[in-house]
Amino acid sequence: MHPAAKLQFARIVDEFVRWRAIPEPERPPAPAWWWGPAFEMRDAAEPLPSAWSRQFRLPDGARFAEAALVLRQSLAGQDILPWPYDFSRKVASTDSDVRDLPVQPSDDSAFPP
């Protein structure tokens, strides 16, 4: 397995643990950026490190493919994708509220014709 793929998966393992620690009613949707690694590792036969197996709640000796399945299952059925800054926290108001304001007329007086 390519070291870069392992590094990317390691980052996702940490995110997954933080995400799963949030009580389910308050948990935001799983981040969409998990899809790529989850599919990339779907056939990876290399065993997971023991610590990662425990974090995915898999038995020791589990393979990357099994962890990738757990990720895909967490994403299955989602009909919305969260904003990156919404990840791992429940946000009452976000920057998207500001972006959704109507466009204001510009003041062109600063620019003479």
PDB file of N, CA and C in Angstrom:
ATOM      1  N   MET A   1       0.847  -1.178   0.000  1.00  0.00           N
ATOM      2  CA  MET A   1       0.000   0.000   0.000  1.00  0.00           C
ATOM      3  C   MET A   1       0.895   1.243   0.000  1.00  0.00           C
ATOM      4  N   HIS A   2       0.501   2.227  -0.759  1.00  0.00           N
ATOM      5  CA  HIS A   2       1.285   3.456  -0.873  1.00  0.00           C
ATOM      6  C   HIS A   2       1.261   4.216   0.460  1.00  0.00           C
ATOM      7  N   PRO A   3       2.411   4.742   0.907  1.00  0.00           N
ATOM      8  CA  PRO A   3       2.462   5.475   2.178  1.00  0.00           C
ATOM      9  C   PRO A   3       1.504   6.671   2.233  1.00  0.00           C
ATOM     10  N   ALA A   4       1.292   7.341   1.112  1.00  0.00           N
ATOM     11  CA  ALA A   4       0.368   8.485   1.106  1.00  0.00           C
ATOM     12  C   ALA A   4      -1.064   8.034   1.384  1.00  0.00           C
ATOM     13  N   ALA A   5      -1.440   6.880   0.865  1.00  0.00           N
ATOM     14  CA  ALA A   5      -2.788   6.357   1.116  1.00  0.00           C
ATOM     15  C   ALA A   5      -2.954   6.031   2.595  1.00  0.00           C
ATOM     16  N   LYS A   6      -1.910   5.471   3.204  1.00  0.00           N
ATOM     17  CA  LYS A   6      -1.961   5.170   4.640  1.00  0.00           C
ATOM     18  C   LYS A   6      -2.069   6.449   5.462  1.00  0.00           C
ATOM     19  N   LEU A   7      -1.319   7.461   5.072  1.00  0.00           N
ATOM     20  CA  LEU A   7      -1.340   8.728   5.794  1.00  0.00           C
ATOM     21  C   LEU A   7      -2.724   9.366   5.727  1.00  0.00           C
ATOM     22  N   GLN A   8      -3.323   9.354   4.560  1.00  0.00           N
ATOM     23  CA  GLN A   8      -4.664   9.909   4.406  1.00  0.00           C
ATOM     24  C   GLN A   8      -5.668   9.118   5.237  1.00  0.00           C
ATOM     25  N   PHE A   9      -5.523   7.811   5.243  1.00  0.00           N
ATOM     26  CA  PHE A   9      -6.436   6.978   6.011  1.00  0.00           C
ATOM     27  C   PHE A   9      -6.257   7.231   7.507  1.00  0.00           C
ATOM     28  N   ALA A  10      -5.019   7.460   7.944  1.00  0.00           N
ATOM     29  CA  ALA A  10      -4.745   7.751   9.358  1.00  0.00           C
ATOM     30  C   ALA A  10      -5.484   9.014   9.793  1.00  0.00           C
ATOM     31  N   ARG A  11      -5.479  10.018   8.949  1.00  0.00           N
ATOM     32  CA  ARG A  11      -6.200  11.253   9.264  1.00  0.00           C
ATOM     33  C   ARG A  11      -7.691  10.975   9.421  1.00  0.00           C
ATOM     34  N   ILE A  12      -8.213  10.150   8.548  1.00  0.00           N
ATOM     35  CA  ILE A  12      -9.639   9.839   8.594  1.00  0.00           C
ATOM     36  C   ILE A  12      -9.985   9.018   9.829  1.00  0.00           C
ATOM     37  N   VAL A  13      -9.090   8.143  10.249  1.00  0.00           N
ATOM     38  CA  VAL A  13      -9.330   7.361  11.465  1.00  0.00           C
ATOM     39  C   VAL A  13      -9.539   8.311  12.638  1.00  0.00           C
ATOM     40  N   ASP A  14      -8.678   9.302  12.769  1.00  0.00           N
ATOM     41  CA  ASP A  14      -8.814  10.270  13.861  1.00  0.00           C
ATOM     42  C   ASP A  14     -10.126  11.038  13.766  1.00  0.00           C
ATOM     43  N   GLU A  15     -10.483  11.462  12.570  1.00  0.00           N
ATOM     44  CA  GLU A  15     -11.738  12.182  12.379  1.00  0.00           C
ATOM     45  C   GLU A  15     -12.934  11.287  12.694  1.00  0.00           C
ATOM     46  N   PHE A  16     -12.858  10.046  12.269  1.00  0.00           N
ATOM     47  CA  PHE A  16     -13.955   9.107  12.489  1.00  0.00           C
ATOM     48  C   PHE A  16     -14.200   8.901  13.980  1.00  0.00           C
ATOM     49  N   VAL A  17     -13.126   8.777  14.744  1.00  0.00           N
ATOM     50  CA  VAL A  17     -13.252   8.578  16.192  1.00  0.00           C
ATOM     51  C   VAL A  17     -13.927   9.793  16.835  1.00  0.00           C
ATOM     52  N   ARG A  18     -13.506  10.987  16.452  1.00  0.00           N
ATOM     53  CA  ARG A  18     -14.125  12.202  17.007  1.00  0.00           C
ATOM     54  C   ARG A  18     -15.589  12.305  16.586  1.00  0.00           C
ATOM     55  N   TRP A  19     -15.869  11.942  15.342  1.00  0.00           N
ATOM     56  CA  TRP A  19     -17.236  12.011  14.831  1.00  0.00           C
ATOM     57  C   TRP A  19     -18.145  11.029  15.564  1.00  0.00           C
ATOM     58  N   ARG A  20     -17.669   9.803  15.756  1.00  0.00           N
ATOM     59  CA  ARG A  20     -18.503   8.786  16.397  1.00  0.00           C
ATOM     60  C   ARG A  20     -18.716   9.073  17.880  1.00  0.00           C
ATOM     61  N   ALA A  21     -17.824   9.859  18.495  1.00  0.00           N
ATOM     62  CA  ALA A  21     -17.960  10.191  19.914  1.00  0.00           C
ATOM     63  C   ALA A  21     -19.122  11.155  20.178  1.00  0.00           C
ATOM     64  N   ILE A  22     -19.597  11.817  19.157  1.00  0.00           N
ATOM     65  CA  ILE A  22     -20.716  12.753  19.301  1.00  0.00           C
ATOM     66  C   ILE A  22     -22.001  11.936  19.411  1.00  0.00           C
ATOM     67  N   PRO A  23     -22.860  12.245  20.396  1.00  0.00           N
ATOM     68  CA  PRO A  23     -24.121  11.505  20.500  1.00  0.00           C
ATOM     69  C   PRO A  23     -24.877  11.550  19.172  1.00  0.00           C
ATOM     70  N   GLU A  24     -25.452  10.427  18.808  1.00  0.00           N
ATOM     71  CA  GLU A  24     -26.062  10.294  17.481  1.00  0.00           C
ATOM     72  C   GLU A  24     -27.093  11.373  17.141  1.00  0.00           C
ATOM     73  N   PRO A  25     -27.968  11.758  18.075  1.00  0.00           N
ATOM     74  CA  PRO A  25     -28.939  12.804  17.699  1.00  0.00           C
ATOM     75  C   PRO A  25     -28.282  14.151  17.361  1.00  0.00           C
ATOM     76  N   GLU A  26     -27.097  14.397  17.893  1.00  0.00           N
ATOM     77  CA  GLU A  26     -26.403  15.671  17.666  1.00  0.00           C
ATOM     78  C   GLU A  26     -25.338  15.571  16.580  1.00  0.00           C
ATOM     79  N   ARG A  27     -25.067  14.381  16.107  1.00  0.00           N
ATOM     80  CA  ARG A  27     -23.964  14.145  15.168  1.00  0.00           C
ATOM     81  C   ARG A  27     -24.283  14.708  13.787  1.00  0.00           C
ATOM     82  N   PRO A  28     -23.358  15.508  13.243  1.00  0.00           N
ATOM     83  CA  PRO A  28     -23.562  15.991  11.876  1.00  0.00           C
ATOM     84  C   PRO A  28     -23.354  14.854  10.882  1.00  0.00           C
ATOM     85  N   PRO A  29     -23.756  15.028   9.644  1.00  0.00           N
ATOM     86  CA  PRO A  29     -23.489  13.990   8.645  1.00  0.00           C
ATOM     87  C   PRO A  29     -21.984  13.737   8.515  1.00  0.00           C
ATOM     88  N   ALA A  30     -21.643  12.522   8.139  1.00  0.00           N
ATOM     89  CA  ALA A  30     -20.229  12.178   7.933  1.00  0.00           C
ATOM     90  C   ALA A  30     -19.667  13.019   6.796  1.00  0.00           C
ATOM     91  N   PRO A  31     -18.416  13.441   6.928  1.00  0.00           N
ATOM     92  CA  PRO A  31     -17.831  14.292   5.883  1.00  0.00           C
ATOM     93  C   PRO A  31     -17.692  13.573   4.549  1.00  0.00           C
ATOM     94  N   ALA A  32     -17.998  14.273   3.494  1.00  0.00           N
ATOM     95  CA  ALA A  32     -17.947  13.694   2.150  1.00  0.00           C
ATOM     96  C   ALA A  32     -16.537  13.308   1.734  1.00  0.00           C
ATOM     97  N   TRP A  33     -15.516  13.943   2.313  1.00  0.00           N
ATOM     98  CA  TRP A  33     -14.151  13.612   1.899  1.00  0.00           C
ATOM     99  C   TRP A  33     -13.724  12.227   2.361  1.00  0.00           C
ATOM    100  N   TRP A  34     -14.569  11.521   3.117  1.00  0.00           N
ATOM    101  CA  TRP A  34     -14.261  10.127   3.473  1.00  0.00           C
ATOM    102  C   TRP A  34     -14.529   9.185   2.304  1.00  0.00           C
ATOM    103  N   TRP A  35     -15.375   9.581   1.349  1.00  0.00           N
ATOM    104  CA  TRP A  35     -15.745   8.696   0.239  1.00  0.00           C
ATOM    105  C   TRP A  35     -14.537   8.187  -0.518  1.00  0.00           C
ATOM    106  N   GLY A  36     -13.654   9.085  -0.935  1.00  0.00           N
ATOM    107  CA  GLY A  36     -12.500   8.688  -1.747  1.00  0.00           C
ATOM    108  C   GLY A  36     -11.675   7.595  -1.095  1.00  0.00           C
ATOM    109  N   PRO A  37     -11.160   7.824   0.115  1.00  0.00           N
ATOM    110  CA  PRO A  37     -10.377   6.780   0.778  1.00  0.00           C
ATOM    111  C   PRO A  37     -11.194   5.524   1.085  1.00  0.00           C
ATOM    112  N   ALA A  38     -12.480   5.694   1.385  1.00  0.00           N
ATOM    113  CA  ALA A  38     -13.310   4.525   1.683  1.00  0.00           C
ATOM    114  C   ALA A  38     -13.426   3.612   0.470  1.00  0.00           C
ATOM    115  N   PHE A  39     -13.511   4.187  -0.724  1.00  0.00           N
ATOM    116  CA  PHE A  39     -13.570   3.364  -1.933  1.00  0.00           C
ATOM    117  C   PHE A  39     -12.186   2.914  -2.372  1.00  0.00           C
ATOM    118  N   GLU A  40     -11.202   3.758  -2.171  1.00  0.00           N
ATOM    119  CA  GLU A  40      -9.840   3.403  -2.552  1.00  0.00           C
ATOM    120  C   GLU A  40      -9.345   2.178  -1.777  1.00  0.00           C
ATOM    121  N   MET A  41      -9.764   2.050  -0.534  1.00  0.00           N
ATOM    122  CA  MET A  41      -9.295   0.957   0.328  1.00  0.00           C
ATOM    123  C   MET A  41     -10.249  -0.240   0.354  1.00  0.00           C
ATOM    124  N   ARG A  42     -11.277  -0.214  -0.472  1.00  0.00           N
ATOM    125  CA  ARG A  42     -12.299  -1.270  -0.377  1.00  0.00           C
ATOM    126  C   ARG A  42     -11.771  -2.670  -0.642  1.00  0.00           C
ATOM    127  N   ASP A  43     -10.662  -2.803  -1.357  1.00  0.00           N
ATOM    128  CA  ASP A  43     -10.096  -4.126  -1.633  1.00  0.00           C
ATOM    129  C   ASP A  43      -8.741  -4.327  -0.966  1.00  0.00           C
ATOM    130  N   ALA A  44      -8.339  -3.401  -0.090  1.00  0.00           N
ATOM    131  CA  ALA A  44      -7.012  -3.478   0.538  1.00  0.00           C
ATOM    132  C   ALA A  44      -6.977  -4.618   1.552  1.00  0.00           C
ATOM    133  N   ALA A  45      -6.099  -5.572   1.303  1.00  0.00           N
ATOM    134  CA  ALA A  45      -6.023  -6.764   2.151  1.00  0.00           C
ATOM    135  C   ALA A  45      -5.034  -6.618   3.301  1.00  0.00           C
ATOM    136  N   GLU A  46      -4.311  -5.527   3.337  1.00  0.00           N
ATOM    137  CA  GLU A  46      -3.317  -5.325   4.397  1.00  0.00           C
ATOM    138  C   GLU A  46      -4.021  -5.166   5.749  1.00  0.00           C
ATOM    139  N   PRO A  47      -3.475  -5.793   6.805  1.00  0.00           N
ATOM    140  CA  PRO A  47      -4.119  -5.664   8.119  1.00  0.00           C
ATOM    141  C   PRO A  47      -3.991  -4.247   8.682  1.00  0.00           C
ATOM    142  N   LEU A  48      -5.022  -3.839   9.384  1.00  0.00           N
ATOM    143  CA  LEU A  48      -5.010  -2.546  10.066  1.00  0.00           C
ATOM    144  C   LEU A  48      -4.105  -2.623  11.289  1.00  0.00           C
ATOM    145  N   PRO A  49      -3.503  -1.514  11.696  1.00  0.00           N
ATOM    146  CA  PRO A  49      -2.844  -1.498  13.000  1.00  0.00           C
ATOM    147  C   PRO A  49      -3.884  -1.808  14.087  1.00  0.00           C
ATOM    148  N   SER A  50      -3.471  -2.460  15.149  1.00  0.00           N
ATOM    149  CA  SER A  50      -4.411  -2.872  16.209  1.00  0.00           C
ATOM    150  C   SER A  50      -5.195  -1.697  16.778  1.00  0.00           C
ATOM    151  N   ALA A  51      -4.519  -0.573  16.984  1.00  0.00           N
ATOM    152  CA  ALA A  51      -5.208   0.597  17.542  1.00  0.00           C
ATOM    153  C   ALA A  51      -6.336   1.050  16.619  1.00  0.00           C
ATOM    154  N   TRP A  52      -6.109   1.013  15.323  1.00  0.00           N
ATOM    155  CA  TRP A  52      -7.146   1.416  14.378  1.00  0.00           C
ATOM    156  C   TRP A  52      -8.303   0.427  14.385  1.00  0.00           C
ATOM    157  N   SER A  53      -7.987  -0.852  14.508  1.00  0.00           N
ATOM    158  CA  SER A  53      -9.059  -1.855  14.570  1.00  0.00           C
ATOM    159  C   SER A  53      -9.990  -1.548  15.730  1.00  0.00           C
ATOM    160  N   ARG A  54      -9.407  -1.235  16.881  1.00  0.00           N
ATOM    161  CA  ARG A  54     -10.230  -0.914  18.054  1.00  0.00           C
ATOM    162  C   ARG A  54     -11.050   0.353  17.819  1.00  0.00           C
ATOM    163  N   GLN A  55     -10.452   1.343  17.166  1.00  0.00           N
ATOM    164  CA  GLN A  55     -11.166   2.594  16.925  1.00  0.00           C
ATOM    165  C   GLN A  55     -12.343   2.405  15.969  1.00  0.00           C
ATOM    166  N   PHE A  56     -12.231   1.464  15.063  1.00  0.00           N
ATOM    167  CA  PHE A  56     -13.339   1.143  14.157  1.00  0.00           C
ATOM    168  C   PHE A  56     -14.271   0.086  14.749  1.00  0.00           C
ATOM    169  N   ARG A  57     -13.937  -0.366  15.972  1.00  0.00           N
ATOM    170  CA  ARG A  57     -14.696  -1.424  16.654  1.00  0.00           C
ATOM    171  C   ARG A  57     -14.679  -2.717  15.840  1.00  0.00           C
ATOM    172  N   LEU A  58     -13.503  -2.997  15.298  1.00  0.00           N
ATOM    173  CA  LEU A  58     -13.276  -4.223  14.534  1.00  0.00           C
ATOM    174  C   LEU A  58     -12.346  -5.122  15.334  1.00  0.00           C
ATOM    175  N   PRO A  59     -12.371  -6.430  15.088  1.00  0.00           N
ATOM    176  CA  PRO A  59     -11.469  -7.333  15.807  1.00  0.00           C
ATOM    177  C   PRO A  59     -10.015  -7.124  15.371  1.00  0.00           C
ATOM    178  N   ASP A  60      -9.087  -7.485  16.250  1.00  0.00           N
ATOM    179  CA  ASP A  60      -7.672  -7.447  15.871  1.00  0.00           C
ATOM    180  C   ASP A  60      -7.474  -8.309  14.633  1.00  0.00           C
ATOM    181  N   GLY A  61      -6.625  -7.856  13.753  1.00  0.00           N
ATOM    182  CA  GLY A  61      -6.386  -8.578  12.510  1.00  0.00           C
ATOM    183  C   GLY A  61      -7.307  -8.154  11.381  1.00  0.00           C
ATOM    184  N   ALA A  62      -8.197  -7.186  11.664  1.00  0.00           N
ATOM    185  CA  ALA A  62      -9.090  -6.690  10.602  1.00  0.00           C
ATOM    186  C   ALA A  62      -8.261  -6.031   9.508  1.00  0.00           C
ATOM    187  N   ARG A  63      -8.794  -5.996   8.330  1.00  0.00           N
ATOM    188  CA  ARG A  63      -8.095  -5.450   7.163  1.00  0.00           C
ATOM    189  C   ARG A  63      -8.580  -4.025   6.853  1.00  0.00           C
ATOM    190  N   PHE A  64      -7.785  -3.321   6.075  1.00  0.00           N
ATOM    191  CA  PHE A  64      -8.170  -1.978   5.651  1.00  0.00           C
ATOM    192  C   PHE A  64      -9.525  -2.008   4.952  1.00  0.00           C
ATOM    193  N   ALA A  65      -9.795  -3.058   4.201  1.00  0.00           N
ATOM    194  CA  ALA A  65     -11.070  -3.161   3.482  1.00  0.00           C
ATOM    195  C   ALA A  65     -12.253  -3.160   4.452  1.00  0.00           C
ATOM    196  N   GLU A  66     -12.098  -3.796   5.604  1.00  0.00           N
ATOM    197  CA  GLU A  66     -13.186  -3.826   6.584  1.00  0.00           C
ATOM    198  C   GLU A  66     -13.415  -2.443   7.193  1.00  0.00           C
ATOM    199  N   ALA A  67     -12.336  -1.718   7.454  1.00  0.00           N
ATOM    200  CA  ALA A  67     -12.466  -0.354   7.971  1.00  0.00           C
ATOM    201  C   ALA A  67     -13.100   0.548   6.917  1.00  0.00           C
ATOM    202  N   ALA A  68     -12.720   0.347   5.667  1.00  0.00           N
ATOM    203  CA  ALA A  68     -13.311   1.128   4.578  1.00  0.00           C
ATOM    204  C   ALA A  68     -14.814   0.866   4.481  1.00  0.00           C
ATOM    205  N   LEU A  69     -15.225  -0.364   4.736  1.00  0.00           N
ATOM    206  CA  LEU A  69     -16.654  -0.687   4.732  1.00  0.00           C
ATOM    207  C   LEU A  69     -17.375   0.075   5.844  1.00  0.00           C
ATOM    208  N   VAL A  70     -16.769   0.153   7.028  1.00  0.00           N
ATOM    209  CA  VAL A  70     -17.367   0.914   8.129  1.00  0.00           C
ATOM    210  C   VAL A  70     -17.554   2.374   7.711  1.00  0.00           C
ATOM    211  N   LEU A  71     -16.543   2.934   7.054  1.00  0.00           N
ATOM    212  CA  LEU A  71     -16.659   4.322   6.574  1.00  0.00           C
ATOM    213  C   LEU A  71     -17.786   4.463   5.556  1.00  0.00           C
ATOM    214  N   ARG A  72     -17.845   3.553   4.602  1.00  0.00           N
ATOM    215  CA  ARG A  72     -18.897   3.634   3.577  1.00  0.00           C
ATOM    216  C   ARG A  72     -20.276   3.502   4.206  1.00  0.00           C
ATOM    217  N   GLN A  73     -20.403   2.643   5.208  1.00  0.00           N
ATOM    218  CA  GLN A  73     -21.696   2.481   5.871  1.00  0.00           C
ATOM    219  C   GLN A  73     -22.098   3.751   6.625  1.00  0.00           C
ATOM    220  N   SER A  74     -21.103   4.466   7.159  1.00  0.00           N
ATOM    221  CA  SER A  74     -21.428   5.713   7.862  1.00  0.00           C
ATOM    222  C   SER A  74     -21.908   6.788   6.889  1.00  0.00           C
ATOM    223  N   LEU A  75     -21.498   6.679   5.640  1.00  0.00           N
ATOM    224  CA  LEU A  75     -21.887   7.653   4.618  1.00  0.00           C
ATOM    225  C   LEU A  75     -23.164   7.263   3.881  1.00  0.00           C
ATOM    226  N   ALA A  76     -23.498   5.991   3.897  1.00  0.00           N
ATOM    227  CA  ALA A  76     -24.649   5.493   3.143  1.00  0.00           C
ATOM    228  C   ALA A  76     -25.938   6.129   3.656  1.00  0.00           C
ATOM    229  N   GLY A  77     -26.781   6.490   2.733  1.00  0.00           N
ATOM    230  CA  GLY A  77     -28.082   7.027   3.095  1.00  0.00           C
ATOM    231  C   GLY A  77     -28.100   8.516   3.386  1.00  0.00           C
ATOM    232  N   GLN A  78     -26.958   9.148   3.403  1.00  0.00           N
ATOM    233  CA  GLN A  78     -26.935  10.591   3.641  1.00  0.00           C
ATOM    234  C   GLN A  78     -27.466  11.314   2.414  1.00  0.00           C
ATOM    235  N   ASP A  79     -28.322  12.285   2.660  1.00  0.00           N
ATOM    236  CA  ASP A  79     -28.848  13.038   1.528  1.00  0.00           C
ATOM    237  C   ASP A  79     -28.361  14.483   1.513  1.00  0.00           C
ATOM    238  N   ILE A  80     -27.505  14.827   2.479  1.00  0.00           N
ATOM    239  CA  ILE A  80     -26.867  16.143   2.468  1.00  0.00           C
ATOM    240  C   ILE A  80     -25.393  15.972   2.789  1.00  0.00           C
ATOM    241  N   LEU A  81     -24.605  16.917   2.331  1.00  0.00           N
ATOM    242  CA  LEU A  81     -23.178  16.918   2.630  1.00  0.00           C
ATOM    243  C   LEU A  81     -22.889  18.100   3.539  1.00  0.00           C
ATOM    244  N   PRO A  82     -22.159  17.871   4.639  1.00  0.00           N
ATOM    245  CA  PRO A  82     -21.890  18.979   5.549  1.00  0.00           C
ATOM    246  C   PRO A  82     -20.813  19.911   5.007  1.00  0.00           C
ATOM    247  N   TRP A  83     -20.839  21.138   5.462  1.00  0.00           N
ATOM    248  CA  TRP A  83     -19.743  22.061   5.180  1.00  0.00           C
ATOM    249  C   TRP A  83     -18.530  21.588   5.969  1.00  0.00           C
ATOM    250  N   PRO A  84     -17.325  21.778   5.469  1.00  0.00           N
ATOM    251  CA  PRO A  84     -16.135  21.317   6.192  1.00  0.00           C
ATOM    252  C   PRO A  84     -16.044  21.850   7.614  1.00  0.00           C
ATOM    253  N   TYR A  85     -16.454  23.101   7.853  1.00  0.00           N
ATOM    254  CA  TYR A  85     -16.339  23.651   9.205  1.00  0.00           C
ATOM    255  C   TYR A  85     -17.439  23.154  10.132  1.00  0.00           C
ATOM    256  N   ASP A  86     -18.426  22.430   9.622  1.00  0.00           N
ATOM    257  CA  ASP A  86     -19.463  21.843  10.464  1.00  0.00           C
ATOM    258  C   ASP A  86     -19.029  20.507  11.048  1.00  0.00           C
ATOM    259  N   PHE A  87     -17.925  19.983  10.566  1.00  0.00           N
ATOM    260  CA  PHE A  87     -17.519  18.648  10.962  1.00  0.00           C
ATOM    261  C   PHE A  87     -17.224  18.576  12.453  1.00  0.00           C
ATOM    262  N   SER A  88     -17.725  17.539  13.082  1.00  0.00           N
ATOM    263  CA  SER A  88     -17.459  17.187  14.478  1.00  0.00           C
ATOM    264  C   SER A  88     -17.959  18.203  15.487  1.00  0.00           C
ATOM    265  N   ARG A  89     -18.919  18.975  15.130  1.00  0.00           N
ATOM    266  CA  ARG A  89     -19.540  19.838  16.124  1.00  0.00           C
ATOM    267  C   ARG A  89     -20.939  20.208  15.626  1.00  0.00           C
ATOM    268  N   LYS A  90     -21.790  20.411  16.567  1.00  0.00           N
ATOM    269  CA  LYS A  90     -23.125  20.865  16.193  1.00  0.00           C
ATOM    270  C   LYS A  90     -23.086  22.384  16.193  1.00  0.00           C
ATOM    271  N   VAL A  91     -23.431  22.967  15.067  1.00  0.00           N
ATOM    272  CA  VAL A  91     -23.299  24.405  14.895  1.00  0.00           C
ATOM    273  C   VAL A  91     -24.688  25.011  14.756  1.00  0.00           C
ATOM    274  N   ALA A  92     -24.999  25.962  15.624  1.00  0.00           N
ATOM    275  CA  ALA A  92     -26.299  26.621  15.547  1.00  0.00           C
ATOM    276  C   ALA A  92     -26.345  27.601  14.387  1.00  0.00           C
ATOM    277  N   SER A  93     -25.259  28.306  14.168  1.00  0.00           N
ATOM    278  CA  SER A  93     -25.187  29.276  13.082  1.00  0.00           C
ATOM    279  C   SER A  93     -23.803  29.183  12.465  1.00  0.00           C
ATOM    280  N   THR A  94     -23.741  29.287  11.161  1.00  0.00           N
ATOM    281  CA  THR A  94     -22.462  29.122  10.480  1.00  0.00           C
ATOM    282  C   THR A  94     -22.205  30.290   9.553  1.00  0.00           C
ATOM    283  N   ASP A  95     -21.040  30.289   8.970  1.00  0.00           N
ATOM    284  CA  ASP A  95     -20.701  31.314   7.992  1.00  0.00           C
ATOM    285  C   ASP A  95     -21.632  31.268   6.787  1.00  0.00           C
ATOM    286  N   SER A  96     -22.252  30.129   6.555  1.00  0.00           N
ATOM    287  CA  SER A  96     -23.146  30.037   5.400  1.00  0.00           C
ATOM    288  C   SER A  96     -24.327  30.986   5.559  1.00  0.00           C
ATOM    289  N   ASP A  97     -24.696  31.314   6.820  1.00  0.00           N
ATOM    290  CA  ASP A  97     -25.771  32.281   7.036  1.00  0.00           C
ATOM    291  C   ASP A  97     -25.405  33.628   6.423  1.00  0.00           C
ATOM    292  N   VAL A  98     -24.152  33.993   6.542  1.00  0.00           N
ATOM    293  CA  VAL A  98     -23.687  35.260   5.983  1.00  0.00           C
ATOM    294  C   VAL A  98     -23.655  35.173   4.465  1.00  0.00           C
ATOM    295  N   ARG A  99     -23.178  34.058   3.930  1.00  0.00           N
ATOM    296  CA  ARG A  99     -23.088  33.909   2.482  1.00  0.00           C
ATOM    297  C   ARG A  99     -24.463  33.914   1.827  1.00  0.00           C
ATOM    298  N   ASP A 100     -25.492  33.540   2.574  1.00  0.00           N
ATOM    299  CA  ASP A 100     -26.824  33.452   2.005  1.00  0.00           C
ATOM    300  C   ASP A 100     -27.583  34.779   2.029  1.00  0.00           C
ATOM    301  N   LEU A 101     -26.960  35.848   2.532  1.00  0.00           N
ATOM    302  CA  LEU A 101     -27.617  37.148   2.531  1.00  0.00           C
ATOM    303  C   LEU A 101     -27.783  37.639   1.096  1.00  0.00           C
ATOM    304  N   PRO A 102     -28.824  38.410   0.854  1.00  0.00           N
ATOM    305  CA  PRO A 102     -28.992  38.932  -0.505  1.00  0.00           C
ATOM    306  C   PRO A 102     -27.851  39.888  -0.854  1.00  0.00           C
ATOM    307  N   VAL A 103     -27.565  39.967  -2.103  1.00  0.00           N
ATOM    308  CA  VAL A 103     -26.519  40.862  -2.586  1.00  0.00           C
ATOM    309  C   VAL A 103     -26.970  42.299  -2.391  1.00  0.00           C
ATOM    310  N   GLN A 104     -26.080  43.126  -1.843  1.00  0.00           N
ATOM    311  CA  GLN A 104     -26.379  44.535  -1.616  1.00  0.00           C
ATOM    312  C   GLN A 104     -25.916  45.355  -2.820  1.00  0.00           C
ATOM    313  N   PRO A 105     -26.630  46.438  -3.124  1.00  0.00           N
ATOM    314  CA  PRO A 105     -26.171  47.273  -4.234  1.00  0.00           C
ATOM    315  C   PRO A 105     -24.813  47.883  -3.893  1.00  0.00           C
ATOM    316  N   SER A 106     -23.980  47.991  -4.875  1.00  0.00           N
ATOM    317  CA  SER A 106     -22.655  48.553  -4.627  1.00  0.00           C
ATOM    318  C   SER A 106     -22.709  50.072  -4.687  1.00  0.00           C
ATOM    319  N   ASP A 107     -21.744  50.671  -4.038  1.00  0.00           N
ATOM    320  CA  ASP A 107     -21.627  52.125  -4.061  1.00  0.00           C
ATOM    321  C   ASP A 107     -20.570  52.473  -5.093  1.00  0.00           C
ATOM    322  N   ASP A 108     -21.018  52.849  -6.276  1.00  0.00           N
ATOM    323  CA  ASP A 108     -20.087  53.141  -7.363  1.00  0.00           C
ATOM    324  C   ASP A 108     -19.528  54.561  -7.304  1.00  0.00           C
ATOM    325  N   SER A 109     -19.922  55.335  -6.283  1.00  0.00           N
ATOM    326  CA  SER A 109     -19.451  56.722  -6.218  1.00  0.00           C
ATOM    327  C   SER A 109     -17.942  56.808  -6.006  1.00  0.00           C
ATOM    328  N   ALA A 110     -17.333  55.760  -5.521  1.00  0.00           N
ATOM    329  CA  ALA A 110     -15.887  55.754  -5.318  1.00  0.00           C
ATOM    330  C   ALA A 110     -15.136  55.631  -6.631  1.00  0.00           C
ATOM    331  N   PHE A 111     -15.842  55.238  -7.687  1.00  0.00           N
ATOM    332  CA  PHE A 111     -15.205  55.047  -8.992  1.00  0.00           C
ATOM    333  C   PHE A 111     -15.824  56.008 -10.002  1.00  0.00           C
ATOM    334  N   PRO A 112     -15.136  57.119 -10.274  1.00  0.00           N
ATOM    335  CA  PRO A 112     -15.708  58.072 -11.238  1.00  0.00           C
ATOM    336  C   PRO A 112     -15.766  57.471 -12.642  1.00  0.00           C
ATOM    337  N   PRO A 113     -16.744  57.910 -13.433  1.00  0.00           N
ATOM    338  CA  PRO A 113     -16.890  57.348 -14.787  1.00  0.00           C
ATOM    339  C   PRO A 113     -15.759  57.703 -15.725  1.00  0.00           C
TER     340      PRO A 113
END
